[in-house]
């Protein structure tokens, strides 16, 4: 399990100050979202890394948080993140996002159902 918290205003300032950051951190589908949604997704990616034990070499763009029709977030992984998960026996992901009071939070659970 991993959890992370991101200050939304500070994160938005970082995105404005470093234009390439958006490309490095987010998939093409995520990049156009509002700053508070991006902050929550970044928190989820940090929480994901913590849930995996913070392995080196993860590419943030190899993880994508999608929103289902009913509004629930889901985590989709590929490349470096999928390989790290596979090597640790992770078969399922659970993710929760929230943003309120200028703070975005995320909890990620990496589960082995085998």
N, C-alpha and C. Protein backbone atom coordinates (compact mmCIF):
# COMPACT_ATOMS: atom_id res chain seq x y z
N UNK A 1 0.84 -1.18 0.00
CA UNK A 1 0.00 0.00 0.00
C UNK A 1 0.89 1.24 0.00
N UNK A 2 0.47 2.26 -0.72
CA UNK A 2 1.17 3.53 -0.72
C UNK A 2 0.19 4.68 -0.62
N UNK A 3 0.63 5.77 -0.04
CA UNK A 3 -0.20 6.97 0.09
C UNK A 3 0.68 8.18 -0.20
N UNK A 4 0.09 9.22 -0.78
CA UNK A 4 0.85 10.44 -1.03
C UNK A 4 -0.08 11.64 -1.00
N UNK A 5 0.49 12.79 -0.69
CA UNK A 5 -0.23 14.06 -0.58
C UNK A 5 0.53 15.10 -1.40
N UNK A 6 -0.20 15.92 -2.17
CA UNK A 6 0.42 16.95 -3.01
C UNK A 6 -0.30 18.28 -2.79
N UNK A 7 0.47 19.33 -2.55
CA UNK A 7 -0.07 20.68 -2.47
C UNK A 7 -0.41 21.13 -3.89
N UNK A 8 -1.66 21.39 -4.18
CA UNK A 8 -2.11 21.66 -5.55
C UNK A 8 -1.48 22.94 -6.11
N UNK A 9 -1.49 24.03 -5.36
CA UNK A 9 -0.92 25.30 -5.85
C UNK A 9 0.57 25.16 -6.15
N UNK A 10 1.28 24.51 -5.28
CA UNK A 10 2.72 24.30 -5.48
C UNK A 10 2.97 23.43 -6.71
N UNK A 11 2.15 22.39 -6.88
CA UNK A 11 2.29 21.51 -8.03
C UNK A 11 1.99 22.27 -9.33
N UNK A 12 0.94 23.08 -9.32
CA UNK A 12 0.59 23.87 -10.50
C UNK A 12 1.72 24.84 -10.86
N UNK A 13 2.34 25.45 -9.86
CA UNK A 13 3.47 26.36 -10.11
C UNK A 13 4.64 25.60 -10.73
N UNK A 14 4.87 24.37 -10.28
CA UNK A 14 5.94 23.55 -10.86
C UNK A 14 5.67 23.25 -12.33
N UNK A 15 4.42 22.96 -12.65
CA UNK A 15 4.06 22.68 -14.05
C UNK A 15 4.26 23.92 -14.92
N UNK A 16 3.94 25.10 -14.39
CA UNK A 16 4.12 26.33 -15.15
C UNK A 16 5.60 26.69 -15.32
N UNK A 17 6.38 26.45 -14.29
CA UNK A 17 7.80 26.78 -14.28
C UNK A 17 8.61 25.84 -15.18
N UNK A 18 8.17 24.57 -15.27
CA UNK A 18 8.90 23.55 -16.02
C UNK A 18 7.96 22.89 -17.02
N UNK A 19 7.82 23.46 -18.21
CA UNK A 19 6.84 22.96 -19.20
C UNK A 19 7.00 21.47 -19.54
N UNK A 20 8.21 20.96 -19.58
CA UNK A 20 8.42 19.56 -19.92
C UNK A 20 7.95 18.57 -18.87
N UNK A 21 7.65 19.08 -17.69
CA UNK A 21 7.22 18.23 -16.59
C UNK A 21 5.92 17.51 -16.91
N UNK A 22 5.00 18.20 -17.55
CA UNK A 22 3.70 17.62 -17.92
C UNK A 22 3.89 16.38 -18.80
N UNK A 23 4.82 16.48 -19.74
CA UNK A 23 5.09 15.36 -20.64
C UNK A 23 5.79 14.21 -19.91
N UNK A 24 6.69 14.54 -19.00
CA UNK A 24 7.44 13.52 -18.27
C UNK A 24 6.56 12.76 -17.27
N UNK A 25 5.58 13.44 -16.68
CA UNK A 25 4.79 12.84 -15.61
C UNK A 25 3.50 12.18 -16.06
N UNK A 26 2.95 12.65 -17.19
CA UNK A 26 1.59 12.23 -17.54
C UNK A 26 1.49 11.67 -18.94
N UNK A 27 0.52 10.79 -19.13
CA UNK A 27 0.24 10.26 -20.45
C UNK A 27 -0.49 11.34 -21.26
N UNK A 28 -0.56 11.13 -22.54
CA UNK A 28 -1.24 12.09 -23.41
C UNK A 28 -2.70 12.29 -22.97
N UNK A 29 -3.35 11.23 -22.56
CA UNK A 29 -4.75 11.32 -22.13
C UNK A 29 -4.91 12.13 -20.84
N UNK A 30 -3.89 12.15 -19.99
CA UNK A 30 -3.97 12.86 -18.71
C UNK A 30 -3.61 14.34 -18.82
N UNK A 31 -2.77 14.70 -19.75
CA UNK A 31 -2.16 16.04 -19.79
C UNK A 31 -3.13 17.21 -19.83
N UNK A 32 -4.29 17.06 -20.41
CA UNK A 32 -5.23 18.17 -20.54
C UNK A 32 -6.14 18.39 -19.34
N UNK A 33 -5.96 17.61 -18.29
CA UNK A 33 -6.82 17.72 -17.12
C UNK A 33 -6.50 18.97 -16.29
N UNK A 34 -7.44 19.35 -15.45
CA UNK A 34 -7.27 20.50 -14.56
C UNK A 34 -6.13 20.23 -13.57
N UNK A 35 -5.48 21.30 -13.09
CA UNK A 35 -4.36 21.13 -12.16
C UNK A 35 -4.67 20.28 -10.94
N UNK A 36 -5.86 20.41 -10.36
CA UNK A 36 -6.17 19.60 -9.18
C UNK A 36 -6.26 18.12 -9.52
N UNK A 37 -6.74 17.80 -10.73
CA UNK A 37 -6.80 16.41 -11.18
C UNK A 37 -5.40 15.87 -11.48
N UNK A 38 -4.56 16.72 -12.06
CA UNK A 38 -3.17 16.31 -12.31
C UNK A 38 -2.43 16.09 -10.99
N UNK A 39 -2.66 16.95 -10.02
CA UNK A 39 -2.01 16.78 -8.71
C UNK A 39 -2.43 15.47 -8.07
N UNK A 40 -3.72 15.13 -8.16
CA UNK A 40 -4.21 13.87 -7.60
C UNK A 40 -3.59 12.68 -8.34
N UNK A 41 -3.46 12.78 -9.64
CA UNK A 41 -2.84 11.70 -10.41
C UNK A 41 -1.35 11.56 -10.09
N UNK A 42 -0.68 12.68 -9.90
CA UNK A 42 0.72 12.60 -9.51
C UNK A 42 0.84 11.95 -8.13
N UNK A 43 -0.04 12.31 -7.21
CA UNK A 43 -0.04 11.68 -5.89
C UNK A 43 -0.25 10.17 -6.03
N UNK A 44 -1.13 9.77 -6.95
CA UNK A 44 -1.38 8.33 -7.17
C UNK A 44 -0.13 7.64 -7.72
N UNK A 45 0.59 8.31 -8.60
CA UNK A 45 1.80 7.71 -9.17
C UNK A 45 2.89 7.58 -8.10
N UNK A 46 2.98 8.57 -7.22
CA UNK A 46 3.92 8.48 -6.09
C UNK A 46 3.49 7.35 -5.14
N UNK A 47 2.19 7.25 -4.88
CA UNK A 47 1.68 6.20 -4.00
C UNK A 47 1.91 4.82 -4.63
N UNK A 48 1.76 4.73 -5.93
CA UNK A 48 2.03 3.49 -6.66
C UNK A 48 3.48 3.07 -6.46
N UNK A 49 4.40 4.01 -6.62
CA UNK A 49 5.82 3.69 -6.43
C UNK A 49 6.07 3.20 -5.01
N UNK A 50 5.45 3.82 -4.03
CA UNK A 50 5.61 3.40 -2.64
C UNK A 50 5.04 1.99 -2.43
N UNK A 51 3.89 1.71 -3.05
CA UNK A 51 3.27 0.39 -2.93
C UNK A 51 4.17 -0.70 -3.51
N UNK A 52 4.98 -0.34 -4.50
CA UNK A 52 5.91 -1.30 -5.12
C UNK A 52 7.26 -1.34 -4.41
N UNK A 53 7.43 -0.53 -3.38
CA UNK A 53 8.71 -0.51 -2.67
C UNK A 53 9.69 0.49 -3.24
N UNK A 54 9.21 1.45 -4.01
CA UNK A 54 10.02 2.53 -4.61
C UNK A 54 11.20 2.02 -5.43
N UNK A 55 10.92 1.15 -6.41
CA UNK A 55 12.02 0.67 -7.26
C UNK A 55 12.55 1.77 -8.18
N UNK A 56 13.81 1.69 -8.50
CA UNK A 56 14.42 2.66 -9.43
C UNK A 56 13.96 2.35 -10.85
N UNK A 57 13.96 3.38 -11.69
CA UNK A 57 13.73 3.20 -13.12
C UNK A 57 12.30 3.24 -13.58
N UNK A 58 11.35 3.58 -12.70
CA UNK A 58 9.96 3.67 -13.15
C UNK A 58 9.77 4.94 -13.98
N UNK A 59 9.05 4.81 -15.07
CA UNK A 59 8.65 5.97 -15.87
C UNK A 59 7.22 6.33 -15.49
N UNK A 60 7.02 7.57 -15.10
CA UNK A 60 5.68 8.00 -14.67
C UNK A 60 4.65 7.83 -15.78
N UNK A 61 5.08 7.99 -17.01
CA UNK A 61 4.13 7.87 -18.13
C UNK A 61 3.75 6.41 -18.40
N UNK A 62 4.37 5.45 -17.68
CA UNK A 62 3.98 4.04 -17.80
C UNK A 62 2.84 3.69 -16.85
N UNK A 63 2.31 4.68 -16.15
CA UNK A 63 1.14 4.50 -15.29
C UNK A 63 0.12 5.57 -15.67
N UNK A 64 -1.12 5.16 -15.81
CA UNK A 64 -2.18 6.11 -16.16
C UNK A 64 -3.38 5.88 -15.25
N UNK A 65 -3.91 6.96 -14.72
CA UNK A 65 -5.12 6.88 -13.91
C UNK A 65 -6.27 7.31 -14.81
N UNK A 66 -7.20 6.41 -15.00
CA UNK A 66 -8.37 6.67 -15.85
C UNK A 66 -9.61 6.79 -14.98
N UNK A 67 -10.59 7.47 -15.53
CA UNK A 67 -11.86 7.67 -14.82
C UNK A 67 -12.94 6.87 -15.53
N UNK A 68 -13.59 5.97 -14.81
CA UNK A 68 -14.68 5.17 -15.37
C UNK A 68 -15.92 6.04 -15.55
N UNK A 69 -16.88 5.53 -16.29
CA UNK A 69 -18.13 6.26 -16.51
C UNK A 69 -18.83 6.62 -15.21
N UNK A 70 -18.67 5.78 -14.19
CA UNK A 70 -19.31 6.05 -12.90
C UNK A 70 -18.46 6.96 -12.01
N UNK A 71 -17.30 7.42 -12.53
CA UNK A 71 -16.45 8.35 -11.80
C UNK A 71 -15.31 7.71 -11.03
N UNK A 72 -15.33 6.40 -10.88
CA UNK A 72 -14.27 5.72 -10.13
C UNK A 72 -12.96 5.73 -10.89
N UNK A 73 -11.85 6.00 -10.18
CA UNK A 73 -10.55 5.94 -10.83
C UNK A 73 -10.05 4.51 -10.93
N UNK A 74 -9.28 4.25 -11.96
CA UNK A 74 -8.63 2.95 -12.11
C UNK A 74 -7.21 3.19 -12.59
N UNK A 75 -6.33 2.27 -12.25
CA UNK A 75 -4.92 2.39 -12.57
C UNK A 75 -4.57 1.41 -13.67
N UNK A 76 -3.91 1.91 -14.71
CA UNK A 76 -3.48 1.08 -15.85
C UNK A 76 -1.98 1.26 -16.00
N UNK A 77 -1.26 0.12 -16.07
CA UNK A 77 0.19 0.17 -16.12
C UNK A 77 0.72 -0.55 -17.35
N UNK A 78 1.91 -0.15 -17.76
CA UNK A 78 2.61 -0.77 -18.88
C UNK A 78 4.11 -0.59 -18.65
N UNK A 79 4.91 -1.12 -19.54
CA UNK A 79 6.35 -0.88 -19.52
C UNK A 79 7.02 -1.11 -18.17
N UNK A 80 7.76 -0.11 -17.71
CA UNK A 80 8.57 -0.24 -16.50
C UNK A 80 7.72 -0.52 -15.25
N UNK A 81 6.54 0.09 -15.19
CA UNK A 81 5.67 -0.12 -14.02
C UNK A 81 5.08 -1.52 -14.06
N UNK A 82 4.63 -1.97 -15.23
CA UNK A 82 4.08 -3.32 -15.35
C UNK A 82 5.13 -4.37 -15.00
N UNK A 83 6.36 -4.16 -15.44
CA UNK A 83 7.43 -5.11 -15.14
C UNK A 83 7.74 -5.15 -13.64
N UNK A 84 7.80 -3.98 -13.00
CA UNK A 84 8.04 -3.94 -11.56
C UNK A 84 6.90 -4.63 -10.80
N UNK A 85 5.67 -4.42 -11.24
CA UNK A 85 4.52 -5.06 -10.60
C UNK A 85 4.57 -6.57 -10.80
N UNK A 86 4.85 -6.99 -12.02
CA UNK A 86 4.91 -8.42 -12.35
C UNK A 86 5.98 -9.12 -11.50
N UNK A 87 7.15 -8.49 -11.36
CA UNK A 87 8.23 -9.11 -10.61
C UNK A 87 7.92 -9.20 -9.11
N UNK A 88 6.94 -8.44 -8.66
CA UNK A 88 6.53 -8.47 -7.25
C UNK A 88 5.22 -9.23 -7.05
N UNK A 89 4.71 -9.83 -8.12
CA UNK A 89 3.49 -10.63 -8.01
C UNK A 89 2.20 -9.85 -7.97
N UNK A 90 2.23 -8.56 -8.33
CA UNK A 90 1.02 -7.74 -8.28
C UNK A 90 0.11 -8.11 -9.46
N UNK A 91 -1.14 -8.45 -9.13
CA UNK A 91 -2.11 -8.80 -10.17
C UNK A 91 -3.26 -7.80 -10.26
N UNK A 92 -3.51 -7.06 -9.18
CA UNK A 92 -4.63 -6.12 -9.16
C UNK A 92 -4.23 -4.83 -8.46
N UNK A 93 -4.88 -3.74 -8.88
CA UNK A 93 -4.64 -2.42 -8.30
C UNK A 93 -5.93 -1.85 -7.76
N UNK A 94 -5.83 -1.12 -6.66
CA UNK A 94 -6.95 -0.36 -6.11
C UNK A 94 -6.44 1.06 -5.89
N UNK A 95 -7.21 2.04 -6.32
CA UNK A 95 -6.76 3.43 -6.20
C UNK A 95 -7.91 4.32 -5.73
N UNK A 96 -7.57 5.26 -4.87
CA UNK A 96 -8.54 6.26 -4.40
C UNK A 96 -7.87 7.62 -4.49
N UNK A 97 -8.57 8.59 -5.06
CA UNK A 97 -8.07 9.96 -5.22
C UNK A 97 -9.01 10.93 -4.50
N UNK A 98 -8.45 12.02 -4.01
CA UNK A 98 -9.27 13.07 -3.42
C UNK A 98 -8.53 14.39 -3.54
N UNK A 99 -9.27 15.48 -3.64
CA UNK A 99 -8.68 16.81 -3.58
C UNK A 99 -9.66 17.75 -2.91
N UNK A 100 -9.14 18.45 -1.88
CA UNK A 100 -9.96 19.37 -1.11
C UNK A 100 -9.02 20.27 -0.31
N UNK A 101 -9.41 21.49 -0.10
CA UNK A 101 -8.63 22.40 0.73
C UNK A 101 -7.23 22.65 0.22
N UNK A 102 -7.07 22.60 -1.11
CA UNK A 102 -5.77 22.87 -1.69
C UNK A 102 -4.80 21.70 -1.68
N UNK A 103 -5.29 20.52 -1.29
CA UNK A 103 -4.43 19.35 -1.20
C UNK A 103 -5.05 18.19 -1.99
N UNK A 104 -4.21 17.49 -2.74
CA UNK A 104 -4.63 16.27 -3.43
C UNK A 104 -4.00 15.08 -2.71
N UNK A 105 -4.79 14.02 -2.56
CA UNK A 105 -4.29 12.82 -1.90
C UNK A 105 -4.62 11.60 -2.75
N UNK A 106 -3.82 10.55 -2.56
CA UNK A 106 -4.09 9.29 -3.25
C UNK A 106 -3.61 8.14 -2.39
N UNK A 107 -4.35 7.06 -2.48
CA UNK A 107 -3.98 5.79 -1.86
C UNK A 107 -3.99 4.75 -2.96
N UNK A 108 -2.93 3.93 -3.02
CA UNK A 108 -2.85 2.86 -4.00
C UNK A 108 -2.53 1.56 -3.25
N UNK A 109 -3.28 0.52 -3.56
CA UNK A 109 -3.03 -0.81 -3.02
C UNK A 109 -2.65 -1.72 -4.18
N UNK A 110 -1.51 -2.37 -4.05
CA UNK A 110 -1.03 -3.34 -5.03
C UNK A 110 -1.33 -4.72 -4.43
N UNK A 111 -2.13 -5.50 -5.13
CA UNK A 111 -2.61 -6.77 -4.58
C UNK A 111 -2.13 -7.95 -5.40
N UNK A 112 -1.82 -9.03 -4.71
CA UNK A 112 -1.47 -10.31 -5.33
C UNK A 112 -2.60 -11.27 -5.03
N UNK A 113 -3.43 -11.55 -6.03
CA UNK A 113 -4.59 -12.45 -5.83
C UNK A 113 -4.26 -13.90 -6.15
N UNK A 114 -3.02 -14.21 -6.45
CA UNK A 114 -2.71 -15.60 -6.82
C UNK A 114 -2.65 -16.51 -5.61
